[in-house]
Amino acid sequence: MLFIEFYTLAVPKQVLEFKYAGGIAEFQQHIPNHSYHEDEHLATARFVRIDELFHFINHCEEHGLHFDQDQNYSEDFAVYSFMGMLWEANWLQTNLFQLWMKGSN
């Protein structure tokens, strides 16, 4: 279980290992503000400004993660903010302050 702060990008660690060039270690190194956190199943990066978030999303897309800019949707990761989820992710559960992989409790 991880805490939600500002704009939180959450991605299953298994997805990073299989799809992100360089895996979890490279993902962690690529986060520009060093805000990486993880639990057993998820990795997160946090951003204060939405333009920083979308710059990082573009970077993630270049390194193998799916993101559809026209639909503002990803099959590989989710983004949660104080306003809620930016798109549906059936593998993620949240409350006002935390997020976790569905079924991991």
N, C-alpha and C. Protein backbone atom coordinates (compact mmCIF):
# COMPACT_ATOMS: atom_id res chain seq x y z
N MET A 1 0.84 -1.17 0.00
CA MET A 1 0.00 0.00 0.00
C MET A 1 0.89 1.24 0.00
N LEU A 2 0.59 2.17 -0.87
CA LEU A 2 1.38 3.38 -1.03
C LEU A 2 0.50 4.61 -0.84
N PHE A 3 1.10 5.70 -0.40
CA PHE A 3 0.36 6.93 -0.17
C PHE A 3 0.26 7.76 -1.44
N ILE A 4 -0.88 8.41 -1.61
CA ILE A 4 -1.13 9.28 -2.75
C ILE A 4 -0.67 10.69 -2.38
N GLU A 5 0.14 11.28 -3.26
CA GLU A 5 0.60 12.65 -3.08
C GLU A 5 0.57 13.34 -4.43
N PHE A 6 -0.06 14.50 -4.50
CA PHE A 6 -0.12 15.31 -5.71
C PHE A 6 -0.61 14.46 -6.87
N TYR A 7 0.16 14.32 -7.94
CA TYR A 7 -0.15 13.44 -9.06
C TYR A 7 0.73 12.20 -8.91
N THR A 8 0.10 11.06 -8.71
CA THR A 8 0.84 9.83 -8.47
C THR A 8 0.66 8.88 -9.65
N LEU A 9 1.75 8.56 -10.31
CA LEU A 9 1.75 7.58 -11.38
C LEU A 9 2.06 6.23 -10.74
N ALA A 10 1.19 5.26 -10.92
CA ALA A 10 1.36 3.93 -10.35
C ALA A 10 1.44 2.90 -11.46
N VAL A 11 2.40 2.00 -11.35
CA VAL A 11 2.58 0.95 -12.35
C VAL A 11 2.94 -0.35 -11.64
N PRO A 12 2.32 -1.46 -12.05
CA PRO A 12 2.71 -2.74 -11.46
C PRO A 12 4.19 -3.03 -11.75
N LYS A 13 4.88 -3.49 -10.74
CA LYS A 13 6.31 -3.77 -10.90
C LYS A 13 6.53 -4.85 -11.96
N GLN A 14 5.61 -5.78 -12.07
CA GLN A 14 5.73 -6.83 -13.09
C GLN A 14 5.70 -6.23 -14.50
N VAL A 15 4.87 -5.21 -14.71
CA VAL A 15 4.81 -4.53 -16.01
C VAL A 15 6.15 -3.86 -16.30
N LEU A 16 6.73 -3.21 -15.30
CA LEU A 16 8.04 -2.58 -15.50
C LEU A 16 9.10 -3.60 -15.90
N GLU A 17 9.10 -4.74 -15.25
CA GLU A 17 10.10 -5.76 -15.55
C GLU A 17 9.98 -6.27 -16.98
N PHE A 18 8.74 -6.41 -17.47
CA PHE A 18 8.53 -6.98 -18.80
C PHE A 18 8.53 -5.97 -19.93
N LYS A 19 8.11 -4.73 -19.67
CA LYS A 19 7.90 -3.78 -20.76
C LYS A 19 8.82 -2.56 -20.74
N TYR A 20 9.25 -2.12 -19.58
CA TYR A 20 10.05 -0.90 -19.50
C TYR A 20 11.51 -1.23 -19.79
N ALA A 21 12.10 -0.58 -20.77
CA ALA A 21 13.50 -0.84 -21.12
C ALA A 21 14.39 -0.60 -19.91
N GLY A 22 15.03 -1.67 -19.42
CA GLY A 22 15.88 -1.58 -18.25
C GLY A 22 15.20 -1.97 -16.95
N GLY A 23 13.88 -2.20 -17.00
CA GLY A 23 13.15 -2.69 -15.84
C GLY A 23 12.98 -1.65 -14.74
N ILE A 24 12.74 -2.15 -13.54
CA ILE A 24 12.46 -1.30 -12.39
C ILE A 24 13.62 -0.37 -12.08
N ALA A 25 14.84 -0.87 -12.15
CA ALA A 25 16.00 -0.04 -11.82
C ALA A 25 16.10 1.17 -12.73
N GLU A 26 15.88 0.99 -14.02
CA GLU A 26 15.93 2.12 -14.96
C GLU A 26 14.76 3.07 -14.73
N PHE A 27 13.58 2.52 -14.49
CA PHE A 27 12.42 3.37 -14.21
C PHE A 27 12.73 4.27 -13.02
N GLN A 28 13.25 3.69 -11.98
CA GLN A 28 13.59 4.46 -10.77
C GLN A 28 14.60 5.55 -11.08
N GLN A 29 15.61 5.25 -11.87
CA GLN A 29 16.63 6.23 -12.22
C GLN A 29 16.10 7.35 -13.11
N HIS A 30 15.08 7.06 -13.91
CA HIS A 30 14.55 8.04 -14.85
C HIS A 30 13.59 9.05 -14.22
N ILE A 31 13.12 8.80 -13.01
CA ILE A 31 12.19 9.74 -12.36
C ILE A 31 12.97 11.01 -12.04
N PRO A 32 12.60 12.14 -12.64
CA PRO A 32 13.43 13.34 -12.52
C PRO A 32 13.50 13.93 -11.11
N ASN A 33 12.50 13.71 -10.29
CA ASN A 33 12.50 14.31 -8.96
C ASN A 33 12.81 13.29 -7.84
N HIS A 34 13.20 12.10 -8.22
CA HIS A 34 13.60 11.04 -7.27
C HIS A 34 12.50 10.72 -6.27
N SER A 35 11.25 10.71 -6.71
CA SER A 35 10.11 10.46 -5.82
C SER A 35 9.63 9.01 -5.86
N TYR A 36 10.50 8.11 -6.23
CA TYR A 36 10.15 6.69 -6.36
C TYR A 36 9.77 6.09 -5.00
N HIS A 37 8.67 5.34 -5.00
CA HIS A 37 8.27 4.53 -3.86
C HIS A 37 7.74 3.22 -4.41
N GLU A 38 7.81 2.19 -3.58
CA GLU A 38 7.29 0.89 -4.01
C GLU A 38 6.74 0.13 -2.81
N ASP A 39 5.88 -0.83 -3.13
CA ASP A 39 5.48 -1.84 -2.17
C ASP A 39 5.74 -3.17 -2.85
N GLU A 40 5.13 -4.21 -2.40
CA GLU A 40 5.40 -5.54 -2.97
C GLU A 40 4.99 -5.64 -4.44
N HIS A 41 3.94 -4.90 -4.84
CA HIS A 41 3.39 -5.06 -6.18
C HIS A 41 3.49 -3.83 -7.09
N LEU A 42 3.54 -2.64 -6.50
CA LEU A 42 3.47 -1.40 -7.28
C LEU A 42 4.71 -0.54 -7.12
N ALA A 43 4.98 0.23 -8.16
CA ALA A 43 6.00 1.28 -8.12
C ALA A 43 5.27 2.59 -8.43
N THR A 44 5.70 3.67 -7.78
CA THR A 44 5.07 4.96 -8.02
C THR A 44 6.11 6.06 -8.21
N ALA A 45 5.67 7.09 -8.91
CA ALA A 45 6.41 8.34 -9.04
C ALA A 45 5.41 9.45 -8.78
N ARG A 46 5.86 10.51 -8.11
CA ARG A 46 4.95 11.59 -7.75
C ARG A 46 5.41 12.90 -8.38
N PHE A 47 4.43 13.70 -8.80
CA PHE A 47 4.71 14.96 -9.45
C PHE A 47 3.81 16.05 -8.89
N VAL A 48 4.35 17.23 -8.70
CA VAL A 48 3.58 18.36 -8.17
C VAL A 48 2.76 19.01 -9.28
N ARG A 49 3.33 19.10 -10.48
CA ARG A 49 2.66 19.78 -11.59
C ARG A 49 2.28 18.78 -12.67
N ILE A 50 1.13 18.99 -13.27
CA ILE A 50 0.64 18.07 -14.29
C ILE A 50 1.52 18.07 -15.53
N ASP A 51 2.14 19.21 -15.87
CA ASP A 51 3.03 19.23 -17.04
C ASP A 51 4.26 18.36 -16.79
N GLU A 52 4.76 18.31 -15.56
CA GLU A 52 5.88 17.42 -15.23
C GLU A 52 5.45 15.96 -15.36
N LEU A 53 4.24 15.67 -14.90
CA LEU A 53 3.70 14.32 -15.01
C LEU A 53 3.64 13.88 -16.47
N PHE A 54 3.05 14.70 -17.33
CA PHE A 54 2.90 14.30 -18.73
C PHE A 54 4.24 14.27 -19.47
N HIS A 55 5.18 15.05 -19.05
CA HIS A 55 6.53 14.93 -19.62
C HIS A 55 7.11 13.55 -19.26
N PHE A 56 6.92 13.11 -18.03
CA PHE A 56 7.41 11.79 -17.62
C PHE A 56 6.62 10.68 -18.30
N ILE A 57 5.33 10.86 -18.49
CA ILE A 57 4.54 9.86 -19.21
C ILE A 57 5.07 9.68 -20.62
N ASN A 58 5.41 10.77 -21.29
CA ASN A 58 6.00 10.66 -22.63
C ASN A 58 7.31 9.89 -22.59
N HIS A 59 8.10 10.14 -21.56
CA HIS A 59 9.36 9.41 -21.38
C HIS A 59 9.07 7.91 -21.19
N CYS A 60 8.08 7.58 -20.38
CA CYS A 60 7.72 6.18 -20.14
C CYS A 60 7.27 5.50 -21.43
N GLU A 61 6.51 6.23 -22.23
CA GLU A 61 6.06 5.69 -23.51
C GLU A 61 7.25 5.38 -24.42
N GLU A 62 8.24 6.25 -24.44
CA GLU A 62 9.45 6.02 -25.23
C GLU A 62 10.23 4.81 -24.75
N HIS A 63 10.03 4.41 -23.49
CA HIS A 63 10.76 3.28 -22.92
C HIS A 63 9.91 2.01 -22.84
N GLY A 64 8.76 1.99 -23.53
CA GLY A 64 8.03 0.75 -23.70
C GLY A 64 6.67 0.64 -23.06
N LEU A 65 6.26 1.59 -22.24
CA LEU A 65 4.94 1.51 -21.64
C LEU A 65 3.88 2.09 -22.58
N HIS A 66 2.70 1.53 -22.53
CA HIS A 66 1.60 1.97 -23.38
C HIS A 66 1.00 3.27 -22.83
N PHE A 67 0.74 4.22 -23.74
CA PHE A 67 -0.06 5.40 -23.42
C PHE A 67 -0.69 5.89 -24.70
N ASP A 68 -2.01 6.06 -24.68
CA ASP A 68 -2.75 6.58 -25.82
C ASP A 68 -3.07 8.05 -25.53
N GLN A 69 -2.37 8.96 -26.19
CA GLN A 69 -2.55 10.39 -25.93
C GLN A 69 -3.92 10.88 -26.36
N ASP A 70 -4.47 10.31 -27.43
CA ASP A 70 -5.79 10.74 -27.90
C ASP A 70 -6.89 10.38 -26.90
N GLN A 71 -6.78 9.20 -26.32
CA GLN A 71 -7.78 8.74 -25.36
C GLN A 71 -7.40 9.07 -23.91
N ASN A 72 -6.17 9.58 -23.72
CA ASN A 72 -5.67 9.87 -22.37
C ASN A 72 -5.83 8.63 -21.49
N TYR A 73 -5.21 7.52 -21.93
CA TYR A 73 -5.42 6.23 -21.28
C TYR A 73 -4.16 5.36 -21.43
N SER A 74 -3.90 4.56 -20.42
CA SER A 74 -2.82 3.59 -20.48
C SER A 74 -3.30 2.23 -20.03
N GLU A 75 -2.82 1.20 -20.70
CA GLU A 75 -3.05 -0.18 -20.27
C GLU A 75 -2.05 -0.59 -19.20
N ASP A 76 -0.95 0.16 -19.06
CA ASP A 76 0.16 -0.26 -18.21
C ASP A 76 0.27 0.47 -16.88
N PHE A 77 -0.23 1.68 -16.79
CA PHE A 77 -0.10 2.44 -15.55
C PHE A 77 -1.35 3.28 -15.34
N ALA A 78 -1.48 3.81 -14.14
CA ALA A 78 -2.60 4.68 -13.79
C ALA A 78 -2.06 5.94 -13.15
N VAL A 79 -2.86 6.98 -13.17
CA VAL A 79 -2.50 8.23 -12.52
C VAL A 79 -3.64 8.61 -11.58
N TYR A 80 -3.28 8.90 -10.34
CA TYR A 80 -4.25 9.31 -9.34
C TYR A 80 -3.84 10.67 -8.79
N SER A 81 -4.82 11.52 -8.60
CA SER A 81 -4.55 12.83 -8.02
C SER A 81 -5.58 13.12 -6.95
N PHE A 82 -5.52 14.27 -6.37
CA PHE A 82 -6.50 14.66 -5.36
C PHE A 82 -7.91 14.70 -5.94
N MET A 83 -8.04 14.76 -7.27
CA MET A 83 -9.34 14.77 -7.93
C MET A 83 -9.84 13.36 -8.23
N GLY A 84 -8.99 12.35 -8.06
CA GLY A 84 -9.36 10.98 -8.37
C GLY A 84 -8.52 10.43 -9.51
N MET A 85 -8.94 9.28 -10.03
CA MET A 85 -8.23 8.62 -11.12
C MET A 85 -8.42 9.42 -12.41
N LEU A 86 -7.33 9.55 -13.18
CA LEU A 86 -7.44 10.22 -14.47
C LEU A 86 -8.05 9.30 -15.53
N TRP A 87 -7.98 7.97 -15.30
CA TRP A 87 -8.67 6.98 -16.13
C TRP A 87 -8.81 5.72 -15.30
N GLU A 88 -9.71 4.85 -15.72
CA GLU A 88 -9.98 3.62 -14.99
C GLU A 88 -8.81 2.65 -15.07
N ALA A 89 -8.57 1.98 -13.98
CA ALA A 89 -7.57 0.91 -13.93
C ALA A 89 -8.16 -0.20 -13.06
N ASN A 90 -8.62 -1.29 -13.68
CA ASN A 90 -9.31 -2.33 -12.93
C ASN A 90 -8.40 -3.14 -12.02
N TRP A 91 -7.10 -2.91 -12.06
CA TRP A 91 -6.15 -3.63 -11.22
C TRP A 91 -5.73 -2.83 -9.99
N LEU A 92 -6.26 -1.62 -9.84
CA LEU A 92 -5.84 -0.73 -8.77
C LEU A 92 -7.01 -0.37 -7.87
N GLN A 93 -6.78 -0.37 -6.56
CA GLN A 93 -7.76 0.09 -5.60
C GLN A 93 -7.20 1.31 -4.88
N THR A 94 -8.09 2.24 -4.55
CA THR A 94 -7.66 3.46 -3.89
C THR A 94 -8.68 3.88 -2.83
N ASN A 95 -8.22 4.71 -1.93
CA ASN A 95 -9.10 5.48 -1.08
C ASN A 95 -8.59 6.91 -1.16
N LEU A 96 -8.96 7.76 -0.29
CA LEU A 96 -8.53 9.16 -0.40
C LEU A 96 -7.02 9.36 -0.25
N PHE A 97 -6.35 8.44 0.43
CA PHE A 97 -4.95 8.66 0.77
C PHE A 97 -3.99 7.58 0.29
N GLN A 98 -4.50 6.42 -0.11
CA GLN A 98 -3.63 5.30 -0.43
C GLN A 98 -4.09 4.60 -1.70
N LEU A 99 -3.17 3.86 -2.28
CA LEU A 99 -3.49 3.00 -3.41
C LEU A 99 -2.75 1.69 -3.26
N TRP A 100 -3.33 0.61 -3.85
CA TRP A 100 -2.73 -0.71 -3.74
C TRP A 100 -3.26 -1.57 -4.88
N MET A 101 -2.54 -2.65 -5.15
CA MET A 101 -2.91 -3.59 -6.19
C MET A 101 -4.15 -4.35 -5.71
N LYS A 102 -5.17 -4.38 -6.55
CA LYS A 102 -6.41 -5.08 -6.20
C LYS A 102 -6.09 -6.52 -5.83
N GLY A 103 -6.65 -6.97 -4.73
CA GLY A 103 -6.45 -8.35 -4.28
C GLY A 103 -5.19 -8.57 -3.45
N SER A 104 -4.43 -7.52 -3.20
CA SER A 104 -3.17 -7.72 -2.46
C SER A 104 -3.33 -7.58 -0.96
N ASN A 105 -4.51 -7.22 -0.48
CA ASN A 105 -4.73 -7.09 0.97
C ASN A 105 -5.01 -8.42 1.60
